[in-house]
N, C-alpha and C. Protein backbone atom coordinates (compact mmCIF):
# COMPACT_ATOMS: atom_id res chain seq x y z
N MET A 1 -35.37 -17.92 32.04
CA MET A 1 -34.41 -17.10 31.32
C MET A 1 -34.53 -15.66 31.84
N ASP A 2 -33.37 -15.04 32.04
CA ASP A 2 -33.33 -13.65 32.52
C ASP A 2 -33.26 -12.73 31.30
N TYR A 3 -34.43 -12.21 30.93
CA TYR A 3 -34.51 -11.38 29.72
C TYR A 3 -33.71 -10.09 29.85
N GLU A 4 -33.65 -9.55 31.02
CA GLU A 4 -32.92 -8.30 31.22
C GLU A 4 -31.42 -8.51 30.96
N LYS A 5 -30.88 -9.62 31.44
CA LYS A 5 -29.46 -9.93 31.19
C LYS A 5 -29.22 -10.15 29.71
N GLU A 6 -30.13 -10.88 29.08
CA GLU A 6 -29.99 -11.15 27.64
C GLU A 6 -30.04 -9.85 26.84
N LEU A 7 -30.98 -8.97 27.19
CA LEU A 7 -31.08 -7.69 26.48
C LEU A 7 -29.85 -6.83 26.71
N THR A 8 -29.32 -6.84 27.93
CA THR A 8 -28.09 -6.10 28.22
C THR A 8 -26.92 -6.66 27.42
N LYS A 9 -26.85 -7.98 27.35
CA LYS A 9 -25.79 -8.64 26.58
C LYS A 9 -25.91 -8.28 25.10
N LEU A 10 -27.11 -8.33 24.57
CA LEU A 10 -27.33 -7.98 23.17
C LEU A 10 -26.99 -6.51 22.91
N LYS A 11 -27.35 -5.64 23.84
CA LYS A 11 -27.04 -4.21 23.69
C LYS A 11 -25.53 -4.00 23.69
N ASP A 12 -24.82 -4.69 24.57
CA ASP A 12 -23.36 -4.58 24.61
C ASP A 12 -22.73 -5.06 23.31
N LEU A 13 -23.24 -6.17 22.80
CA LEU A 13 -22.74 -6.69 21.53
C LEU A 13 -23.03 -5.73 20.39
N LEU A 14 -24.21 -5.13 20.41
CA LEU A 14 -24.58 -4.16 19.38
C LEU A 14 -23.67 -2.93 19.45
N ASP A 15 -23.40 -2.46 20.66
CA ASP A 15 -22.49 -1.31 20.83
C ASP A 15 -21.09 -1.65 20.34
N GLN A 16 -20.65 -2.86 20.63
CA GLN A 16 -19.33 -3.30 20.18
C GLN A 16 -19.29 -3.35 18.65
N ALA A 17 -20.35 -3.87 18.05
CA ALA A 17 -20.42 -3.96 16.59
C ALA A 17 -20.44 -2.56 15.97
N LYS A 18 -21.16 -1.63 16.59
CA LYS A 18 -21.19 -0.25 16.08
C LYS A 18 -19.80 0.37 16.13
N GLY A 19 -19.10 0.13 17.23
CA GLY A 19 -17.73 0.65 17.35
C GLY A 19 -16.82 0.10 16.28
N MET A 20 -16.95 -1.19 16.01
CA MET A 20 -16.15 -1.82 14.96
C MET A 20 -16.51 -1.24 13.59
N LYS A 21 -17.79 -0.98 13.39
CA LYS A 21 -18.24 -0.41 12.12
C LYS A 21 -17.65 0.97 11.93
N TYR A 22 -17.68 1.80 12.97
CA TYR A 22 -17.14 3.16 12.87
C TYR A 22 -15.64 3.13 12.59
N LYS A 23 -14.91 2.20 13.25
CA LYS A 23 -13.48 2.07 13.00
C LYS A 23 -13.22 1.64 11.57
N ALA A 24 -14.01 0.71 11.08
CA ALA A 24 -13.84 0.22 9.71
C ALA A 24 -14.13 1.32 8.71
N GLU A 25 -15.17 2.11 8.97
CA GLU A 25 -15.49 3.22 8.07
C GLU A 25 -14.37 4.26 8.06
N ALA A 26 -13.82 4.56 9.24
CA ALA A 26 -12.73 5.52 9.33
C ALA A 26 -11.50 5.00 8.58
N ARG A 27 -11.21 3.72 8.73
CA ARG A 27 -10.06 3.12 8.03
C ARG A 27 -10.29 3.13 6.53
N LEU A 28 -11.50 2.83 6.11
CA LEU A 28 -11.83 2.86 4.68
C LEU A 28 -11.62 4.25 4.11
N GLU A 29 -12.06 5.26 4.84
CA GLU A 29 -11.89 6.65 4.40
C GLU A 29 -10.39 6.98 4.30
N GLN A 30 -9.63 6.54 5.28
CA GLN A 30 -8.18 6.77 5.28
C GLN A 30 -7.54 6.11 4.06
N LEU A 31 -7.93 4.88 3.77
CA LEU A 31 -7.38 4.17 2.62
C LEU A 31 -7.78 4.83 1.30
N LYS A 32 -9.00 5.32 1.23
CA LYS A 32 -9.44 6.02 0.02
C LYS A 32 -8.62 7.29 -0.19
N ASN A 33 -8.35 8.00 0.90
CA ASN A 33 -7.52 9.21 0.80
C ASN A 33 -6.11 8.87 0.33
N MET A 34 -5.57 7.77 0.86
CA MET A 34 -4.24 7.33 0.43
C MET A 34 -4.24 6.97 -1.05
N GLU A 35 -5.28 6.28 -1.48
CA GLU A 35 -5.39 5.90 -2.89
C GLU A 35 -5.44 7.15 -3.77
N ASP A 36 -6.24 8.13 -3.36
CA ASP A 36 -6.34 9.37 -4.13
C ASP A 36 -4.99 10.07 -4.22
N GLU A 37 -4.24 10.08 -3.12
CA GLU A 37 -2.92 10.71 -3.10
C GLU A 37 -1.95 9.98 -4.03
N ILE A 38 -2.00 8.66 -4.01
CA ILE A 38 -1.12 7.87 -4.88
C ILE A 38 -1.47 8.10 -6.35
N VAL A 39 -2.75 8.12 -6.65
CA VAL A 39 -3.18 8.37 -8.03
C VAL A 39 -2.74 9.76 -8.48
N LYS A 40 -2.83 10.73 -7.58
CA LYS A 40 -2.39 12.10 -7.88
C LYS A 40 -0.88 12.12 -8.16
N GLU A 41 -0.10 11.43 -7.33
CA GLU A 41 1.34 11.38 -7.54
C GLU A 41 1.68 10.70 -8.86
N LEU A 42 0.99 9.61 -9.16
CA LEU A 42 1.22 8.93 -10.43
C LEU A 42 0.89 9.84 -11.61
N ASP A 43 -0.19 10.59 -11.48
CA ASP A 43 -0.58 11.52 -12.53
C ASP A 43 0.50 12.58 -12.74
N GLU A 44 1.07 13.07 -11.62
CA GLU A 44 2.14 14.07 -11.72
C GLU A 44 3.38 13.49 -12.40
N LEU A 45 3.57 12.19 -12.27
CA LEU A 45 4.70 11.51 -12.92
C LEU A 45 4.37 11.08 -14.35
N GLY A 46 3.13 11.29 -14.75
CA GLY A 46 2.71 10.92 -16.09
C GLY A 46 2.45 9.43 -16.26
N ILE A 47 2.11 8.77 -15.16
CA ILE A 47 1.87 7.33 -15.20
C ILE A 47 0.40 7.07 -14.87
N LYS A 48 -0.23 6.28 -15.72
CA LYS A 48 -1.61 5.91 -15.45
C LYS A 48 -1.63 4.67 -14.56
N PRO A 49 -2.56 4.61 -13.60
CA PRO A 49 -2.60 3.46 -12.68
C PRO A 49 -2.66 2.11 -13.39
N GLU A 50 -3.34 2.05 -14.52
CA GLU A 50 -3.45 0.78 -15.23
C GLU A 50 -2.12 0.37 -15.89
N ASN A 51 -1.19 1.32 -16.02
CA ASN A 51 0.12 1.02 -16.61
C ASN A 51 1.21 0.87 -15.55
N LEU A 52 0.83 0.84 -14.32
CA LEU A 52 1.79 0.83 -13.22
C LEU A 52 2.69 -0.40 -13.25
N GLU A 53 2.13 -1.58 -13.47
CA GLU A 53 2.95 -2.79 -13.50
C GLU A 53 3.97 -2.75 -14.62
N VAL A 54 3.59 -2.24 -15.78
CA VAL A 54 4.52 -2.13 -16.91
C VAL A 54 5.63 -1.15 -16.55
N GLU A 55 5.27 -0.04 -15.93
CA GLU A 55 6.26 0.97 -15.53
C GLU A 55 7.22 0.41 -14.48
N ILE A 56 6.72 -0.34 -13.53
CA ILE A 56 7.57 -0.96 -12.50
C ILE A 56 8.56 -1.92 -13.17
N GLU A 57 8.08 -2.72 -14.10
CA GLU A 57 8.96 -3.67 -14.79
C GLU A 57 10.02 -2.93 -15.60
N ARG A 58 9.63 -1.83 -16.24
CA ARG A 58 10.59 -1.03 -17.03
C ARG A 58 11.67 -0.45 -16.11
N LEU A 59 11.26 0.08 -14.98
CA LEU A 59 12.22 0.66 -14.03
C LEU A 59 13.14 -0.42 -13.46
N LYS A 60 12.58 -1.59 -13.19
CA LYS A 60 13.39 -2.70 -12.67
C LYS A 60 14.45 -3.08 -13.70
N ASN A 61 14.07 -3.16 -14.96
CA ASN A 61 15.02 -3.50 -16.02
C ASN A 61 16.09 -2.42 -16.16
N ASP A 62 15.68 -1.15 -16.06
CA ASP A 62 16.64 -0.05 -16.13
C ASP A 62 17.65 -0.13 -14.99
N ILE A 63 17.19 -0.41 -13.79
CA ILE A 63 18.07 -0.51 -12.63
C ILE A 63 19.06 -1.66 -12.82
N GLU A 64 18.54 -2.82 -13.24
CA GLU A 64 19.42 -3.97 -13.46
C GLU A 64 20.47 -3.67 -14.51
N SER A 65 20.07 -2.99 -15.56
CA SER A 65 21.00 -2.63 -16.63
C SER A 65 22.07 -1.67 -16.12
N LEU A 66 21.67 -0.68 -15.35
CA LEU A 66 22.63 0.29 -14.82
C LEU A 66 23.58 -0.33 -13.81
N VAL A 67 23.09 -1.25 -12.99
CA VAL A 67 23.96 -1.94 -12.04
C VAL A 67 24.98 -2.79 -12.79
N LYS A 68 24.53 -3.48 -13.83
CA LYS A 68 25.44 -4.30 -14.64
C LYS A 68 26.50 -3.42 -15.29
N GLU A 69 26.07 -2.29 -15.85
CA GLU A 69 27.01 -1.37 -16.49
C GLU A 69 28.01 -0.82 -15.48
N ALA A 70 27.54 -0.46 -14.29
CA ALA A 70 28.45 0.05 -13.26
C ALA A 70 29.47 -1.01 -12.87
N ASN A 71 29.03 -2.25 -12.73
CA ASN A 71 29.97 -3.33 -12.40
C ASN A 71 31.01 -3.55 -13.49
N GLU A 72 30.60 -3.41 -14.73
CA GLU A 72 31.53 -3.58 -15.85
C GLU A 72 32.54 -2.45 -15.91
N LEU A 73 32.18 -1.27 -15.45
CA LEU A 73 33.06 -0.12 -15.50
C LEU A 73 34.05 -0.05 -14.32
N LEU A 74 33.80 -0.83 -13.29
CA LEU A 74 34.72 -0.83 -12.15
C LEU A 74 36.05 -1.45 -12.55
N PRO A 75 37.14 -0.84 -12.16
CA PRO A 75 38.46 -1.39 -12.48
C PRO A 75 38.79 -2.54 -11.52
N LYS A 76 38.39 -3.73 -11.88
CA LYS A 76 38.52 -4.88 -11.00
C LYS A 76 40.00 -5.24 -10.76
N ASP A 77 40.85 -4.97 -11.73
CA ASP A 77 42.28 -5.29 -11.55
C ASP A 77 42.89 -4.40 -10.47
N ILE A 78 42.45 -3.19 -10.35
CA ILE A 78 42.97 -2.29 -9.33
C ILE A 78 42.40 -2.63 -7.97
N LEU A 79 41.14 -3.05 -7.96
CA LEU A 79 40.46 -3.36 -6.71
C LEU A 79 40.85 -4.75 -6.17
N GLY A 80 41.58 -5.51 -6.94
CA GLY A 80 42.04 -6.82 -6.49
C GLY A 80 41.00 -7.91 -6.55
N LYS A 81 40.09 -7.80 -7.47
CA LYS A 81 39.04 -8.85 -7.56
C LYS A 81 39.12 -9.50 -8.91
């Protein structure tokens, strides 16, 4: 067995793993910053992160209601439909 080749191979693999670790740490930091920014925006809107799903559902219902109301207000007889 060629120990020098094996050690070189292991060193290369270790360097590759370190590079992957640094990239993962940088990405994690980026994601944490994005999360902080989103939480800040939600706070400015007066929405707590734990209530986000309820707020999304409320907004979805509001949009559906407004679209329905807009469709009902369109003069369909004039538009030929």
